Each structure stands twice: as C-alpha cells, then as structure tokens.
Amino acid sequence: MIYLDYQATTPLDDRVADVVDRASRELWGNPSSPHMLGLKSQQAIEKARRSISKVLNCKPSELFFTSGATESNNWAIATAAGPVSNHVITSVIEHKSVLDACLAFQERGGEATFLPVDAQ
C-alpha cells in the first residue's frame, strides 16, 4: 500500500505507542489537579517538556502541547497575530484551519491577506 496523506496523520512508532499506552493506563489524572494522580501526570508532562525542549533547543516554558494541528493553528494565529501585528498573510490554498483562523482574526478587527497562487 502507498499512503499519501501524511499531512493528516502518520504511522505511530512502536516506542511512542508503548509510552502513550502506558501513560493512558497509568497517568490519566488531570495534570491541573492537586491530587496524587494529577501530580503524577503533571510530573510526566514536565519531564517530557524538558526532554523535548533539549532536542528543539528551546526553553521548556516555550514548548506547548496541543491536541492536534487545528488547535495548534488556531492558537498560534489567535495568540501571535494580535499582540505582534494587526495583519496576517497566508495563501488561498492553506489548510482550512489556518484559513478559518485568519478569517476569525479578520472578524475581530485584524487585517488578513489571502495571497493567490499560480502554477509557479
């Protein structure tokens, strides 16, 4: 089989699947809660944040976890566009979640430019 939609999803590495499986069974507490299960979850998340930040060469506080691409796109445009600039620029062939976030930014009073594309 040839799979050509890796933008939507990719196969999960067995090592990652093992960690996710373990976390789903053992670390399911709300990491924002002060009880023991929540604290264990929070500690695991912070450990992952430190580990990943080393690979990405950034501060742990600069690393955010989201549930997926749509949430990430919405969050990035909503939080960065307003404080940094009142103007966002994207192409008309961008992912729907980006286009929708840019339209929402525009509806809140920001300026959005949607650049056309051609064969080049």
N, C-alpha and C. Protein backbone atom coordinates (compact mmCIF):
# COMPACT_ATOMS: atom_id res chain seq x y z
N MET A 1 0.84 -1.18 0.00
CA MET A 1 0.00 0.00 0.00
C MET A 1 0.88 1.24 0.00
N ILE A 2 0.47 2.24 -0.75
CA ILE A 2 1.14 3.53 -0.76
C ILE A 2 0.19 4.54 -0.12
N TYR A 3 0.64 5.16 0.93
CA TYR A 3 -0.17 6.13 1.67
C TYR A 3 0.35 7.52 1.40
N LEU A 4 -0.49 8.42 0.92
CA LEU A 4 -0.04 9.75 0.51
C LEU A 4 -0.69 10.88 1.30
N ASP A 5 -1.18 10.60 2.50
CA ASP A 5 -1.84 11.65 3.28
C ASP A 5 -1.12 11.85 4.61
N TYR A 6 0.21 11.92 4.58
CA TYR A 6 0.98 12.08 5.82
C TYR A 6 0.76 13.44 6.47
N GLN A 7 0.19 14.38 5.74
CA GLN A 7 -0.12 15.66 6.36
C GLN A 7 -1.24 15.49 7.39
N ALA A 8 -2.16 14.55 7.12
CA ALA A 8 -3.28 14.32 8.03
C ALA A 8 -2.88 13.46 9.22
N THR A 9 -2.12 12.42 8.97
CA THR A 9 -1.70 11.52 10.05
C THR A 9 -0.53 10.66 9.57
N THR A 10 0.21 10.14 10.50
CA THR A 10 1.36 9.29 10.17
C THR A 10 1.33 8.04 11.06
N PRO A 11 2.02 6.98 10.62
CA PRO A 11 2.08 5.80 11.48
C PRO A 11 2.80 6.14 12.79
N LEU A 12 2.41 5.46 13.84
CA LEU A 12 3.00 5.70 15.14
C LEU A 12 4.14 4.72 15.39
N ASP A 13 5.30 5.25 15.73
CA ASP A 13 6.45 4.42 16.07
C ASP A 13 6.09 3.54 17.27
N ASP A 14 6.50 2.29 17.25
CA ASP A 14 6.17 1.36 18.34
C ASP A 14 6.62 1.88 19.70
N ARG A 15 7.77 2.55 19.75
CA ARG A 15 8.25 3.08 21.04
C ARG A 15 7.32 4.16 21.57
N VAL A 16 6.82 4.99 20.66
CA VAL A 16 5.89 6.04 21.06
C VAL A 16 4.57 5.41 21.50
N ALA A 17 4.11 4.42 20.75
CA ALA A 17 2.86 3.75 21.10
C ALA A 17 2.95 3.13 22.49
N ASP A 18 4.10 2.58 22.83
CA ASP A 18 4.28 1.99 24.16
C ASP A 18 4.17 3.05 25.25
N VAL A 19 4.78 4.21 25.03
CA VAL A 19 4.74 5.28 26.02
C VAL A 19 3.31 5.82 26.15
N VAL A 20 2.64 6.02 25.02
CA VAL A 20 1.27 6.52 25.04
C VAL A 20 0.36 5.51 25.74
N ASP A 21 0.55 4.23 25.44
CA ASP A 21 -0.26 3.20 26.08
C ASP A 21 -0.06 3.21 27.59
N ARG A 22 1.19 3.27 28.01
CA ARG A 22 1.49 3.30 29.46
C ARG A 22 0.88 4.53 30.12
N ALA A 23 1.04 5.68 29.47
CA ALA A 23 0.50 6.91 30.03
C ALA A 23 -1.02 6.86 30.11
N SER A 24 -1.65 6.27 29.11
CA SER A 24 -3.11 6.17 29.11
C SER A 24 -3.62 5.29 30.25
N ARG A 25 -2.83 4.30 30.61
CA ARG A 25 -3.25 3.40 31.69
C ARG A 25 -2.83 3.89 33.06
N GLU A 26 -1.68 4.56 33.17
CA GLU A 26 -1.12 4.90 34.48
C GLU A 26 -1.16 6.39 34.83
N LEU A 27 -1.20 7.25 33.83
CA LEU A 27 -1.08 8.69 34.08
C LEU A 27 -2.31 9.44 33.55
N TRP A 28 -3.47 8.95 33.89
CA TRP A 28 -4.68 9.53 33.33
C TRP A 28 -5.28 10.64 34.18
N GLY A 29 -4.64 10.99 35.26
CA GLY A 29 -5.16 12.06 36.12
C GLY A 29 -5.02 13.42 35.47
N ASN A 30 -5.90 14.33 35.84
CA ASN A 30 -5.87 15.70 35.35
C ASN A 30 -4.61 16.39 35.87
N PRO A 31 -3.68 16.79 34.99
CA PRO A 31 -2.42 17.38 35.44
C PRO A 31 -2.59 18.75 36.10
N SER A 32 -3.76 19.32 36.04
CA SER A 32 -4.02 20.59 36.71
C SER A 32 -4.59 20.41 38.11
N SER A 33 -4.81 19.16 38.50
CA SER A 33 -5.40 18.88 39.82
C SER A 33 -4.31 18.60 40.85
N PRO A 34 -4.58 18.94 42.12
CA PRO A 34 -3.57 18.77 43.17
C PRO A 34 -3.50 17.36 43.77
N HIS A 35 -4.36 16.44 43.33
CA HIS A 35 -4.32 15.10 43.91
C HIS A 35 -3.18 14.29 43.31
N MET A 36 -2.90 13.12 43.89
CA MET A 36 -1.73 12.33 43.51
C MET A 36 -1.72 11.95 42.03
N LEU A 37 -2.85 11.50 41.49
CA LEU A 37 -2.88 11.15 40.06
C LEU A 37 -2.59 12.37 39.19
N GLY A 38 -3.13 13.51 39.56
CA GLY A 38 -2.87 14.74 38.82
C GLY A 38 -1.41 15.15 38.89
N LEU A 39 -0.83 15.04 40.06
CA LEU A 39 0.58 15.40 40.24
C LEU A 39 1.49 14.48 39.43
N LYS A 40 1.17 13.18 39.40
CA LYS A 40 1.97 12.23 38.59
C LYS A 40 1.89 12.60 37.11
N SER A 41 0.69 12.94 36.65
CA SER A 41 0.52 13.35 35.25
C SER A 41 1.31 14.62 34.96
N GLN A 42 1.21 15.58 35.86
CA GLN A 42 1.93 16.85 35.68
C GLN A 42 3.44 16.61 35.63
N GLN A 43 3.95 15.76 36.50
CA GLN A 43 5.38 15.46 36.51
C GLN A 43 5.82 14.80 35.20
N ALA A 44 4.99 13.90 34.68
CA ALA A 44 5.32 13.23 33.41
C ALA A 44 5.33 14.24 32.26
N ILE A 45 4.38 15.15 32.26
CA ILE A 45 4.31 16.17 31.21
C ILE A 45 5.53 17.09 31.29
N GLU A 46 5.89 17.50 32.49
CA GLU A 46 7.05 18.39 32.64
C GLU A 46 8.34 17.69 32.26
N LYS A 47 8.43 16.40 32.56
CA LYS A 47 9.61 15.62 32.15
C LYS A 47 9.69 15.57 30.62
N ALA A 48 8.56 15.33 29.98
CA ALA A 48 8.52 15.31 28.51
C ALA A 48 8.86 16.69 27.94
N ARG A 49 8.34 17.74 28.57
CA ARG A 49 8.61 19.11 28.11
C ARG A 49 10.11 19.40 28.17
N ARG A 50 10.77 19.01 29.27
CA ARG A 50 12.22 19.24 29.40
C ARG A 50 12.99 18.44 28.34
N SER A 51 12.60 17.20 28.15
CA SER A 51 13.29 16.34 27.17
C SER A 51 13.14 16.88 25.75
N ILE A 52 11.94 17.24 25.38
CA ILE A 52 11.69 17.75 24.03
C ILE A 52 12.35 19.10 23.82
N SER A 53 12.33 19.95 24.83
CA SER A 53 12.93 21.28 24.69
C SER A 53 14.44 21.18 24.45
N LYS A 54 15.09 20.15 25.01
CA LYS A 54 16.52 19.96 24.74
C LYS A 54 16.75 19.62 23.28
N VAL A 55 15.91 18.77 22.72
CA VAL A 55 16.03 18.39 21.31
C VAL A 55 15.78 19.59 20.41
N LEU A 56 14.80 20.41 20.77
CA LEU A 56 14.44 21.57 19.96
C LEU A 56 15.27 22.81 20.27
N ASN A 57 16.14 22.71 21.28
CA ASN A 57 17.00 23.82 21.70
C ASN A 57 16.17 25.06 22.06
N CYS A 58 15.18 24.84 22.91
CA CYS A 58 14.36 25.95 23.40
C CYS A 58 14.15 25.76 24.90
N LYS A 59 13.60 26.76 25.53
CA LYS A 59 13.29 26.66 26.95
C LYS A 59 12.04 25.80 27.13
N PRO A 60 11.97 25.02 28.21
CA PRO A 60 10.74 24.25 28.45
C PRO A 60 9.49 25.12 28.47
N SER A 61 9.61 26.34 28.96
CA SER A 61 8.46 27.25 29.04
C SER A 61 8.00 27.73 27.66
N GLU A 62 8.82 27.51 26.63
CA GLU A 62 8.45 27.92 25.28
C GLU A 62 7.76 26.80 24.50
N LEU A 63 7.59 25.67 25.13
CA LEU A 63 7.01 24.49 24.48
C LEU A 63 5.59 24.28 24.97
N PHE A 64 4.65 24.18 24.05
CA PHE A 64 3.25 23.99 24.39
C PHE A 64 2.73 22.72 23.72
N PHE A 65 1.88 22.01 24.41
CA PHE A 65 1.27 20.81 23.86
C PHE A 65 -0.18 21.11 23.51
N THR A 66 -0.60 20.67 22.34
CA THR A 66 -1.99 20.82 21.91
C THR A 66 -2.50 19.45 21.48
N SER A 67 -3.78 19.39 21.18
CA SER A 67 -4.39 18.11 20.80
C SER A 67 -4.19 17.78 19.33
N GLY A 68 -3.74 18.74 18.53
CA GLY A 68 -3.55 18.46 17.11
C GLY A 68 -3.33 19.72 16.31
N ALA A 69 -3.27 19.54 14.99
CA ALA A 69 -2.92 20.64 14.09
C ALA A 69 -3.92 21.77 14.09
N THR A 70 -5.21 21.45 14.08
CA THR A 70 -6.21 22.52 14.04
C THR A 70 -6.14 23.39 15.28
N GLU A 71 -6.04 22.77 16.44
CA GLU A 71 -5.91 23.56 17.67
C GLU A 71 -4.63 24.37 17.65
N SER A 72 -3.55 23.78 17.18
CA SER A 72 -2.26 24.49 17.11
C SER A 72 -2.34 25.69 16.18
N ASN A 73 -2.93 25.50 15.01
CA ASN A 73 -3.06 26.61 14.06
C ASN A 73 -3.92 27.73 14.64
N ASN A 74 -5.06 27.37 15.22
CA ASN A 74 -5.93 28.39 15.83
C ASN A 74 -5.21 29.14 16.94
N TRP A 75 -4.54 28.40 17.80
CA TRP A 75 -3.85 29.00 18.94
C TRP A 75 -2.72 29.93 18.46
N ALA A 76 -1.93 29.46 17.50
CA ALA A 76 -0.79 30.26 17.03
C ALA A 76 -1.26 31.56 16.39
N ILE A 77 -2.28 31.50 15.56
CA ILE A 77 -2.75 32.71 14.89
C ILE A 77 -3.45 33.63 15.89
N ALA A 78 -4.27 33.08 16.76
CA ALA A 78 -5.00 33.91 17.72
C ALA A 78 -4.09 34.58 18.73
N THR A 79 -3.04 33.89 19.16
CA THR A 79 -2.19 34.46 20.20
C THR A 79 -1.02 35.28 19.65
N ALA A 80 -0.56 34.96 18.47
CA ALA A 80 0.60 35.68 17.93
C ALA A 80 0.19 36.87 17.06
N ALA A 81 -0.87 36.71 16.29
CA ALA A 81 -1.23 37.76 15.33
C ALA A 81 -1.59 39.07 16.01
N GLY A 82 -2.48 39.03 16.98
CA GLY A 82 -2.92 40.26 17.64
C GLY A 82 -1.81 41.01 18.35
N PRO A 83 -1.09 40.37 19.27
CA PRO A 83 -0.06 41.09 20.02
C PRO A 83 1.13 41.53 19.15
N VAL A 84 1.46 40.76 18.13
CA VAL A 84 2.64 41.05 17.32
C VAL A 84 2.30 41.99 16.17
N SER A 85 1.17 41.76 15.54
CA SER A 85 0.80 42.53 14.37
C SER A 85 -0.72 42.51 14.22
N ASN A 86 -1.23 43.48 13.51
CA ASN A 86 -2.66 43.50 13.23
C ASN A 86 -2.92 43.01 11.82
N HIS A 87 -1.94 42.29 11.24
CA HIS A 87 -2.05 41.84 9.86
C HIS A 87 -1.45 40.44 9.73
N VAL A 88 -2.23 39.52 9.18
CA VAL A 88 -1.71 38.19 8.88
C VAL A 88 -1.77 37.97 7.37
N ILE A 89 -0.82 37.20 6.86
CA ILE A 89 -0.75 36.91 5.43
C ILE A 89 -0.67 35.40 5.27
N THR A 90 -1.50 34.87 4.38
CA THR A 90 -1.48 33.44 4.09
C THR A 90 -1.83 33.25 2.62
N SER A 91 -1.81 32.02 2.16
CA SER A 91 -2.20 31.76 0.77
C SER A 91 -3.61 31.17 0.75
N VAL A 92 -4.25 31.27 -0.38
CA VAL A 92 -5.62 30.78 -0.51
C VAL A 92 -5.69 29.25 -0.47
N ILE A 93 -4.55 28.58 -0.61
CA ILE A 93 -4.55 27.11 -0.59
C ILE A 93 -4.09 26.55 0.75
N GLU A 94 -4.01 27.40 1.75
CA GLU A 94 -3.61 26.95 3.09
C GLU A 94 -4.68 26.01 3.65
N HIS A 95 -4.30 25.26 4.67
CA HIS A 95 -5.23 24.34 5.34
C HIS A 95 -6.44 25.12 5.86
N LYS A 96 -7.59 24.48 5.83
CA LYS A 96 -8.84 25.12 6.25
C LYS A 96 -8.75 25.69 7.67
N SER A 97 -8.05 25.01 8.55
CA SER A 97 -7.95 25.52 9.93
C SER A 97 -7.18 26.84 9.97
N VAL A 98 -6.21 27.01 9.11
CA VAL A 98 -5.46 28.28 9.04
C VAL A 98 -6.35 29.36 8.42
N LEU A 99 -7.02 29.02 7.33
CA LEU A 99 -7.91 30.00 6.68
C LEU A 99 -9.00 30.45 7.63
N ASP A 100 -9.61 29.51 8.34
CA ASP A 100 -10.68 29.86 9.29
C ASP A 100 -10.14 30.73 10.43
N ALA A 101 -8.95 30.43 10.92
CA ALA A 101 -8.36 31.24 11.99
C ALA A 101 -8.06 32.65 11.49
N CYS A 102 -7.60 32.77 10.25
CA CYS A 102 -7.33 34.09 9.68
C CYS A 102 -8.62 34.87 9.47
N LEU A 103 -9.68 34.18 9.04
CA LEU A 103 -10.98 34.84 8.90
C LEU A 103 -11.50 35.31 10.25
N ALA A 104 -11.34 34.48 11.27
CA ALA A 104 -11.78 34.86 12.63
C ALA A 104 -10.98 36.06 13.12
N PHE A 105 -9.68 36.08 12.83
CA PHE A 105 -8.83 37.22 13.19
C PHE A 105 -9.34 38.48 12.50
N GLN A 106 -9.71 38.34 11.24
CA GLN A 106 -10.24 39.46 10.47
C GLN A 106 -11.56 39.95 11.07
N GLU A 107 -12.41 39.02 11.48
CA GLU A 107 -13.70 39.39 12.08
C GLU A 107 -13.52 40.13 13.40
N ARG A 108 -12.40 39.88 14.09
CA ARG A 108 -12.12 40.57 15.35
C ARG A 108 -11.45 41.93 15.11
N GLY A 109 -11.33 42.34 13.84
CA GLY A 109 -10.78 43.66 13.55
C GLY A 109 -9.38 43.65 12.97
N GLY A 110 -8.75 42.48 12.87
CA GLY A 110 -7.42 42.40 12.27
C GLY A 110 -7.51 42.39 10.76
N GLU A 111 -6.37 42.56 10.13
CA GLU A 111 -6.32 42.53 8.67
C GLU A 111 -5.73 41.19 8.22
N ALA A 112 -6.36 40.58 7.24
CA ALA A 112 -5.88 39.31 6.70
C ALA A 112 -5.76 39.42 5.19
N THR A 113 -4.61 39.01 4.68
CA THR A 113 -4.38 38.98 3.24
C THR A 113 -4.28 37.53 2.82
N PHE A 114 -5.05 37.16 1.80
CA PHE A 114 -5.05 35.81 1.27
C PHE A 114 -4.44 35.85 -0.13
N LEU A 115 -3.19 35.44 -0.24
CA LEU A 115 -2.47 35.55 -1.50
C LEU A 115 -2.90 34.47 -2.48
N PRO A 116 -3.11 34.85 -3.75
CA PRO A 116 -3.44 33.85 -4.76
C PRO A 116 -2.18 33.05 -5.12
N VAL A 117 -2.38 31.92 -5.73
CA VAL A 117 -1.26 31.10 -6.19
C VAL A 117 -1.46 30.82 -7.68
N ASP A 118 -0.36 30.47 -8.33
CA ASP A 118 -0.44 30.08 -9.73
C ASP A 118 0.42 28.82 -9.93
N ALA A 119 0.63 28.43 -11.12
CA ALA A 119 1.37 27.20 -11.41
C ALA A 119 2.82 27.25 -10.96
N GLN A 120 3.36 28.43 -10.74
CA GLN A 120 4.74 28.57 -10.31
C GLN A 120 4.85 28.59 -8.82
